[in-house]
PDB file of N, CA and C in Angstrom:
ATOM      1  N   MET A   1     -58.268 151.991 214.536  1.00  0.00           N
ATOM      2  CA  MET A   1     -57.177 151.387 215.274  1.00  0.00           C
ATOM      3  C   MET A   1     -57.447 149.887 215.354  1.00  0.00           C
ATOM      4  N   ASN A   2     -56.478 149.098 214.925  1.00  0.00           N
ATOM      5  CA  ASN A   2     -56.665 147.649 214.969  1.00  0.00           C
ATOM      6  C   ASN A   2     -56.146 147.082 216.294  1.00  0.00           C
ATOM      7  N   ALA A   3     -56.318 145.787 216.490  1.00  0.00           N
ATOM      8  CA  ALA A   3     -55.955 145.134 217.749  1.00  0.00           C
ATOM      9  C   ALA A   3     -54.463 145.246 218.045  1.00  0.00           C
ATOM     10  N   GLU A   4     -53.639 145.153 217.014  1.00  0.00           N
ATOM     11  CA  GLU A   4     -52.184 145.234 217.217  1.00  0.00           C
ATOM     12  C   GLU A   4     -51.774 146.630 217.696  1.00  0.00           C
ATOM     13  N   GLN A   5     -52.341 147.653 217.085  1.00  0.00           N
ATOM     14  CA  GLN A   5     -52.039 149.027 217.493  1.00  0.00           C
ATOM     15  C   GLN A   5     -52.519 149.286 218.920  1.00  0.00           C
ATOM     16  N   LEU A   6     -53.707 148.796 219.237  1.00  0.00           N
ATOM     17  CA  LEU A   6     -54.265 148.962 220.574  1.00  0.00           C
ATOM     18  C   LEU A   6     -53.386 148.283 221.619  1.00  0.00           C
ATOM     19  N   SER A   7     -52.884 147.110 221.282  1.00  0.00           N
ATOM     20  CA  SER A   7     -51.989 146.387 222.179  1.00  0.00           C
ATOM     21  C   SER A   7     -50.708 147.184 222.425  1.00  0.00           C
ATOM     22  N   ARG A   8     -50.161 147.791 221.380  1.00  0.00           N
ATOM     23  CA  ARG A   8     -48.941 148.603 221.528  1.00  0.00           C
ATOM     24  C   ARG A   8     -49.187 149.832 222.402  1.00  0.00           C
ATOM     25  N   VAL A   9     -50.340 150.463 222.238  1.00  0.00           N
ATOM     26  CA  VAL A   9     -50.683 151.622 223.065  1.00  0.00           C
ATOM     27  C   VAL A   9     -50.764 151.195 224.531  1.00  0.00           C
ATOM     28  N   GLY A  10     -51.398 150.057 224.789  1.00  0.00           N
ATOM     29  CA  GLY A  10     -51.490 149.538 226.154  1.00  0.00           C
ATOM     30  C   GLY A  10     -50.130 149.236 226.747  1.00  0.00           C
ATOM     31  N   GLU A  11     -49.264 148.622 225.965  1.00  0.00           N
ATOM     32  CA  GLU A  11     -47.910 148.310 226.433  1.00  0.00           C
ATOM     33  C   GLU A  11     -47.142 149.582 226.778  1.00  0.00           C
ATOM     34  N   LYS A  12     -47.288 150.616 225.956  1.00  0.00           N
ATOM     35  CA  LYS A  12     -46.603 151.887 226.216  1.00  0.00           C
ATOM     36  C   LYS A  12     -47.110 152.537 227.503  1.00  0.00           C
ATOM     37  N   LEU A  13     -48.428 152.452 227.736  1.00  0.00           N
ATOM     38  CA  LEU A  13     -48.990 153.013 228.966  1.00  0.00           C
ATOM     39  C   LEU A  13     -48.467 152.281 230.195  1.00  0.00           C
ATOM     40  N   VAL A  14     -48.407 150.957 230.120  1.00  0.00           N
ATOM     41  CA  VAL A  14     -47.897 150.162 231.240  1.00  0.00           C
ATOM     42  C   VAL A  14     -46.439 150.520 231.506  1.00  0.00           C
ATOM     43  N   LYS A  15     -45.654 150.651 230.456  1.00  0.00           N
ATOM     44  CA  LYS A  15     -44.235 151.003 230.606  1.00  0.00           C
ATOM     45  C   LYS A  15     -44.086 152.413 231.186  1.00  0.00           C
ATOM     46  N   ARG A  16     -44.884 153.346 230.679  1.00  0.00           N
ATOM     47  CA  ARG A  16     -44.812 154.744 231.126  1.00  0.00           C
ATOM     48  C   ARG A  16     -45.223 154.906 232.588  1.00  0.00           C
ATOM     49  N   CYS A  17     -46.273 154.191 233.000  1.00  0.00           N
ATOM     50  CA  CYS A  17     -46.816 154.354 234.349  1.00  0.00           C
ATOM     51  C   CYS A  17     -46.255 153.351 235.347  1.00  0.00           C
ATOM     52  N   GLY A  18     -45.625 152.295 234.865  1.00  0.00           N
ATOM     53  CA  GLY A  18     -45.035 151.307 235.758  1.00  0.00           C
ATOM     54  C   GLY A  18     -46.051 150.463 236.498  1.00  0.00           C
ATOM     55  N   SER A  19     -47.252 150.345 235.947  1.00  0.00           N
ATOM     56  CA  SER A  19     -48.310 149.578 236.604  1.00  0.00           C
ATOM     57  C   SER A  19     -49.311 149.087 235.561  1.00  0.00           C
ATOM     58  N   ARG A  20     -49.965 147.979 235.882  1.00  0.00           N
ATOM     59  CA  ARG A  20     -51.057 147.484 235.040  1.00  0.00           C
ATOM     60  C   ARG A  20     -52.426 147.816 235.645  1.00  0.00           C
ATOM     61  N   ASP A  21     -52.425 148.433 236.808  1.00  0.00           N
ATOM     62  CA  ASP A  21     -53.662 148.811 237.491  1.00  0.00           C
ATOM     63  C   ASP A  21     -54.294 150.008 236.767  1.00  0.00           C
ATOM     64  N   PRO A  22     -55.498 149.850 236.214  1.00  0.00           N
ATOM     65  CA  PRO A  22     -56.108 150.943 235.449  1.00  0.00           C
ATOM     66  C   PRO A  22     -56.378 152.192 236.292  1.00  0.00           C
ATOM     67  N   PHE A  23     -56.659 152.023 237.580  1.00  0.00           N
ATOM     68  CA  PHE A  23     -56.899 153.175 238.444  1.00  0.00           C
ATOM     69  C   PHE A  23     -55.598 153.947 238.682  1.00  0.00           C
ATOM     70  N   GLU A  24     -54.499 153.243 238.833  1.00  0.00           N
ATOM     71  CA  GLU A  24     -53.187 153.881 238.997  1.00  0.00           C
ATOM     72  C   GLU A  24     -52.773 154.592 237.709  1.00  0.00           C
ATOM     73  N   ILE A  25     -53.010 153.965 236.575  1.00  0.00           N
ATOM     74  CA  ILE A  25     -52.688 154.598 235.288  1.00  0.00           C
ATOM     75  C   ILE A  25     -53.503 155.880 235.121  1.00  0.00           C
ATOM     76  N   ALA A  26     -54.793 155.822 235.424  1.00  0.00           N
ATOM     77  CA  ALA A  26     -55.642 157.015 235.323  1.00  0.00           C
ATOM     78  C   ALA A  26     -55.133 158.112 236.254  1.00  0.00           C
ATOM     79  N   ARG A  27     -54.756 157.755 237.477  1.00  0.00           N
ATOM     80  CA  ARG A  27     -54.251 158.742 238.438  1.00  0.00           C
ATOM     81  C   ARG A  27     -52.997 159.425 237.899  1.00  0.00           C
ATOM     82  N   GLN A  28     -52.076 158.618 237.363  1.00  0.00           N
ATOM     83  CA  GLN A  28     -50.832 159.184 236.844  1.00  0.00           C
ATOM     84  C   GLN A  28     -51.054 160.054 235.613  1.00  0.00           C
ATOM     85  N   LEU A  29     -52.114 159.788 234.869  1.00  0.00           N
ATOM     86  CA  LEU A  29     -52.439 160.590 233.688  1.00  0.00           C
ATOM     87  C   LEU A  29     -53.311 161.799 234.032  1.00  0.00           C
ATOM     88  N   GLY A  30     -53.643 161.965 235.309  1.00  0.00           N
ATOM     89  CA  GLY A  30     -54.452 163.100 235.734  1.00  0.00           C
ATOM     90  C   GLY A  30     -55.921 162.957 235.413  1.00  0.00           C
ATOM     91  N   ILE A  31     -56.395 161.720 235.334  1.00  0.00           N
ATOM     92  CA  ILE A  31     -57.803 161.452 235.037  1.00  0.00           C
ATOM     93  C   ILE A  31     -58.496 161.039 236.331  1.00  0.00           C
ATOM     94  N   ASN A  32     -59.591 161.723 236.672  1.00  0.00           N
ATOM     95  CA  ASN A  32     -60.366 161.404 237.865  1.00  0.00           C
ATOM     96  C   ASN A  32     -61.301 160.246 237.563  1.00  0.00           C
ATOM     97  N   VAL A  33     -61.320 159.229 238.421  1.00  0.00           N
ATOM     98  CA  VAL A  33     -62.219 158.089 238.249  1.00  0.00           C
ATOM     99  C   VAL A  33     -63.324 158.211 239.291  1.00  0.00           C
ATOM    100  N   MET A  34     -64.565 158.244 238.821  1.00  0.00           N
ATOM    101  CA  MET A  34     -65.718 158.396 239.700  1.00  0.00           C
ATOM    102  C   MET A  34     -66.610 157.163 239.574  1.00  0.00           C
ATOM    103  N   LEU A  35     -66.987 156.574 240.710  1.00  0.00           N
ATOM    104  CA  LEU A  35     -67.952 155.475 240.717  1.00  0.00           C
ATOM    105  C   LEU A  35     -69.333 156.080 240.905  1.00  0.00           C
ATOM    106  N   CYS A  36     -70.273 155.736 240.027  1.00  0.00           N
ATOM    107  CA  CYS A  36     -71.591 156.362 240.017  1.00  0.00           C
ATOM    108  C   CYS A  36     -72.693 155.319 240.092  1.00  0.00           C
ATOM    109  N   GLU A  37     -73.810 155.718 240.663  1.00  0.00           N
ATOM    110  CA  GLU A  37     -75.006 154.882 240.703  1.00  0.00           C
ATOM    111  C   GLU A  37     -75.983 155.382 239.644  1.00  0.00           C
ATOM    112  N   ASN A  38     -77.026 154.630 239.424  1.00  0.00           N
ATOM    113  CA  ASN A  38     -78.108 155.015 238.510  1.00  0.00           C
ATOM    114  C   ASN A  38     -77.644 155.196 237.068  1.00  0.00           C
ATOM    115  N   PHE A  39     -76.741 154.354 236.608  1.00  0.00           N
ATOM    116  CA  PHE A  39     -76.303 154.392 235.217  1.00  0.00           C
ATOM    117  C   PHE A  39     -77.138 153.467 234.340  1.00  0.00           C
ATOM    118  N   GLY A  40     -78.030 152.701 234.948  1.00  0.00           N
ATOM    119  CA  GLY A  40     -78.832 151.763 234.178  1.00  0.00           C
ATOM    120  C   GLY A  40     -77.953 150.738 233.492  1.00  0.00           C
ATOM    121  N   SER A  41     -78.095 150.581 232.179  1.00  0.00           N
ATOM    122  CA  SER A  41     -77.300 149.592 231.445  1.00  0.00           C
ATOM    123  C   SER A  41     -75.941 150.145 231.002  1.00  0.00           C
ATOM    124  N   LEU A  42     -75.712 151.451 231.197  1.00  0.00           N
ATOM    125  CA  LEU A  42     -74.440 152.065 230.819  1.00  0.00           C
ATOM    126  C   LEU A  42     -73.345 151.612 231.781  1.00  0.00           C
ATOM    127  N   LYS A  43     -72.240 151.111 231.243  1.00  0.00           N
ATOM    128  CA  LYS A  43     -71.144 150.611 232.085  1.00  0.00           C
ATOM    129  C   LYS A  43     -70.174 151.711 232.477  1.00  0.00           C
ATOM    130  N   GLY A  44     -70.033 152.714 231.643  1.00  0.00           N
ATOM    131  CA  GLY A  44     -69.133 153.814 231.963  1.00  0.00           C
ATOM    132  C   GLY A  44     -69.009 154.780 230.811  1.00  0.00           C
ATOM    133  N   MET A  45     -68.303 155.895 231.077  1.00  0.00           N
ATOM    134  CA  MET A  45     -68.072 156.877 230.025  1.00  0.00           C
ATOM    135  C   MET A  45     -66.897 157.762 230.410  1.00  0.00           C
ATOM    136  N   TYR A  46     -66.342 158.423 229.409  1.00  0.00           N
ATOM    137  CA  TYR A  46     -65.233 159.358 229.586  1.00  0.00           C
ATOM    138  C   TYR A  46     -65.710 160.735 229.175  1.00  0.00           C
ATOM    139  N   ARG A  47     -65.434 161.745 230.002  1.00  0.00           N
ATOM    140  CA  ARG A  47     -65.842 163.118 229.681  1.00  0.00           C
ATOM    141  C   ARG A  47     -64.745 164.094 230.072  1.00  0.00           C
ATOM    142  N   VAL A  48     -64.648 165.187 229.338  1.00  0.00           N
ATOM    143  CA  VAL A  48     -63.794 166.310 229.712  1.00  0.00           C
ATOM    144  C   VAL A  48     -64.732 167.451 230.076  1.00  0.00           C
ATOM    145  N   ILE A  49     -64.630 167.919 231.317  1.00  0.00           N
ATOM    146  CA  ILE A  49     -65.499 168.981 231.810  1.00  0.00           C
ATOM    147  C   ILE A  49     -64.607 170.113 232.319  1.00  0.00           C
ATOM    148  N   LYS A  50     -64.682 171.252 231.674  1.00  0.00           N
ATOM    149  CA  LYS A  50     -63.862 172.418 232.032  1.00  0.00           C
ATOM    150  C   LYS A  50     -62.393 172.050 232.196  1.00  0.00           C
ATOM    151  N   ARG A  51     -61.856 171.376 231.197  1.00  0.00           N
ATOM    152  CA  ARG A  51     -60.454 170.951 231.129  1.00  0.00           C
ATOM    153  C   ARG A  51     -60.073 169.891 232.167  1.00  0.00           C
ATOM    154  N   ASN A  52     -61.031 169.325 232.850  1.00  0.00           N
ATOM    155  CA  ASN A  52     -60.783 168.237 233.789  1.00  0.00           C
ATOM    156  C   ASN A  52     -61.280 166.943 233.161  1.00  0.00           C
ATOM    157  N   ARG A  53     -60.434 165.907 233.206  1.00  0.00           N
ATOM    158  CA  ARG A  53     -60.784 164.631 232.576  1.00  0.00           C
ATOM    159  C   ARG A  53     -61.366 163.680 233.616  1.00  0.00           C
ATOM    160  N   PHE A  54     -62.461 163.008 233.247  1.00  0.00           N
ATOM    161  CA  PHE A  54     -63.161 162.104 234.146  1.00  0.00           C
ATOM    162  C   PHE A  54     -63.480 160.789 233.454  1.00  0.00           C
ATOM    163  N   ILE A  55     -63.396 159.712 234.210  1.00  0.00           N
ATOM    164  CA  ILE A  55     -63.957 158.422 233.817  1.00  0.00           C
ATOM    165  C   ILE A  55     -65.050 158.135 234.831  1.00  0.00           C
ATOM    166  N   PHE A  56     -66.270 157.961 234.363  1.00  0.00           N
ATOM    167  CA  PHE A  56     -67.397 157.610 235.212  1.00  0.00           C
ATOM    168  C   PHE A  56     -67.683 156.126 235.016  1.00  0.00           C
ATOM    169  N   LEU A  57     -67.681 155.362 236.097  1.00  0.00           N
ATOM    170  CA  LEU A  57     -67.927 153.925 236.033  1.00  0.00           C
ATOM    171  C   LEU A  57     -69.185 153.577 236.801  1.00  0.00           C
ATOM    172  N   ASN A  58     -69.958 152.636 236.254  1.00  0.00           N
ATOM    173  CA  ASN A  58     -71.137 152.138 236.934  1.00  0.00           C
ATOM    174  C   ASN A  58     -70.699 151.426 238.205  1.00  0.00           C
ATOM    175  N   ASN A  59     -71.285 151.793 239.320  1.00  0.00           N
ATOM    176  CA  ASN A  59     -70.936 151.240 240.628  1.00  0.00           C
ATOM    177  C   ASN A  59     -71.216 149.744 240.727  1.00  0.00           C
ATOM    178  N   SER A  60     -72.091 149.220 239.871  1.00  0.00           N
ATOM    179  CA  SER A  60     -72.485 147.810 239.963  1.00  0.00           C
ATOM    180  C   SER A  60     -71.567 146.879 239.168  1.00  0.00           C
ATOM    181  N   LEU A  61     -70.472 147.378 238.609  1.00  0.00           N
ATOM    182  CA  LEU A  61     -69.554 146.517 237.850  1.00  0.00           C
ATOM    183  C   LEU A  61     -68.763 145.626 238.778  1.00  0.00           C
TER     184      LEU A  61
END
């Protein structure tokens, strides 16, 4: 996926969700956002666990 395609995907998400707030977009898409400690140098990750979607973010960001 190149930068132009990525930009179009972002624009579609903003239009679909009516917000530029990433936490609001995740909520509307049914993705749980969890702030976590002890991630070391890892900034975040996305996982699907038993059909539930999660974004884990380093608490120190």
